[in-house]
Amino acid sequence: MKYNINAMIVPDKSAGGFTLGISKTEIEKNELELFKYRLIKDYYLPEYPPIHKYYTNEIALDFVENKLTQIWLFKGYNGKLECGLGIGDYIKDFENQYGEIKERYENNFVFSNLEGMYFNLEPNIYKIFSQTGNKTDLQIMELCIYKVH
């Protein structure tokens, strides 16, 4: 696996040069050295395994029990979906391609015709959106790729 901020975004599969489901040992050690590391434990649900998060400014990799479970993409990530959309494009353009957005839970949105990818809004933007419902000029600045079970 080779870290690549220009790699295509494939919901339910891959982004950044990484494929969901791979083990941490499949990534060359020198690749992971490019990332910062953070261990995330849920103290309210200690029975859940911790998340080992490796991240840069443009991408974050979440490993649970040594398997890559989520790939987060942020501003500065240049890769696009097959349709040409990516970070910085507008919600309305995504909706034209993938259907209306639906809020799964607070500040966690999916598209009605696309599985394996969701997005969050920045907290101050989410507050405005939740009060007005206006999404016309909102840009997607963060995407998460996950495996559909």
Foldseek 3Di string as FASTA:
>chain_A
DAQDLAAADDAQFDHRPDTFFDFPVVDDPVRLVVWDWDWAADPVCNVAFIWIWTDDQAWIFTDGPRTTFKIKGFPPRNHYYPVRDDFFDAPVVVCVVQNDWDAPDQQWIDHPRDHFKIAGDDPVVSVVCVVPVDRGGDTTGMMMGGHDD
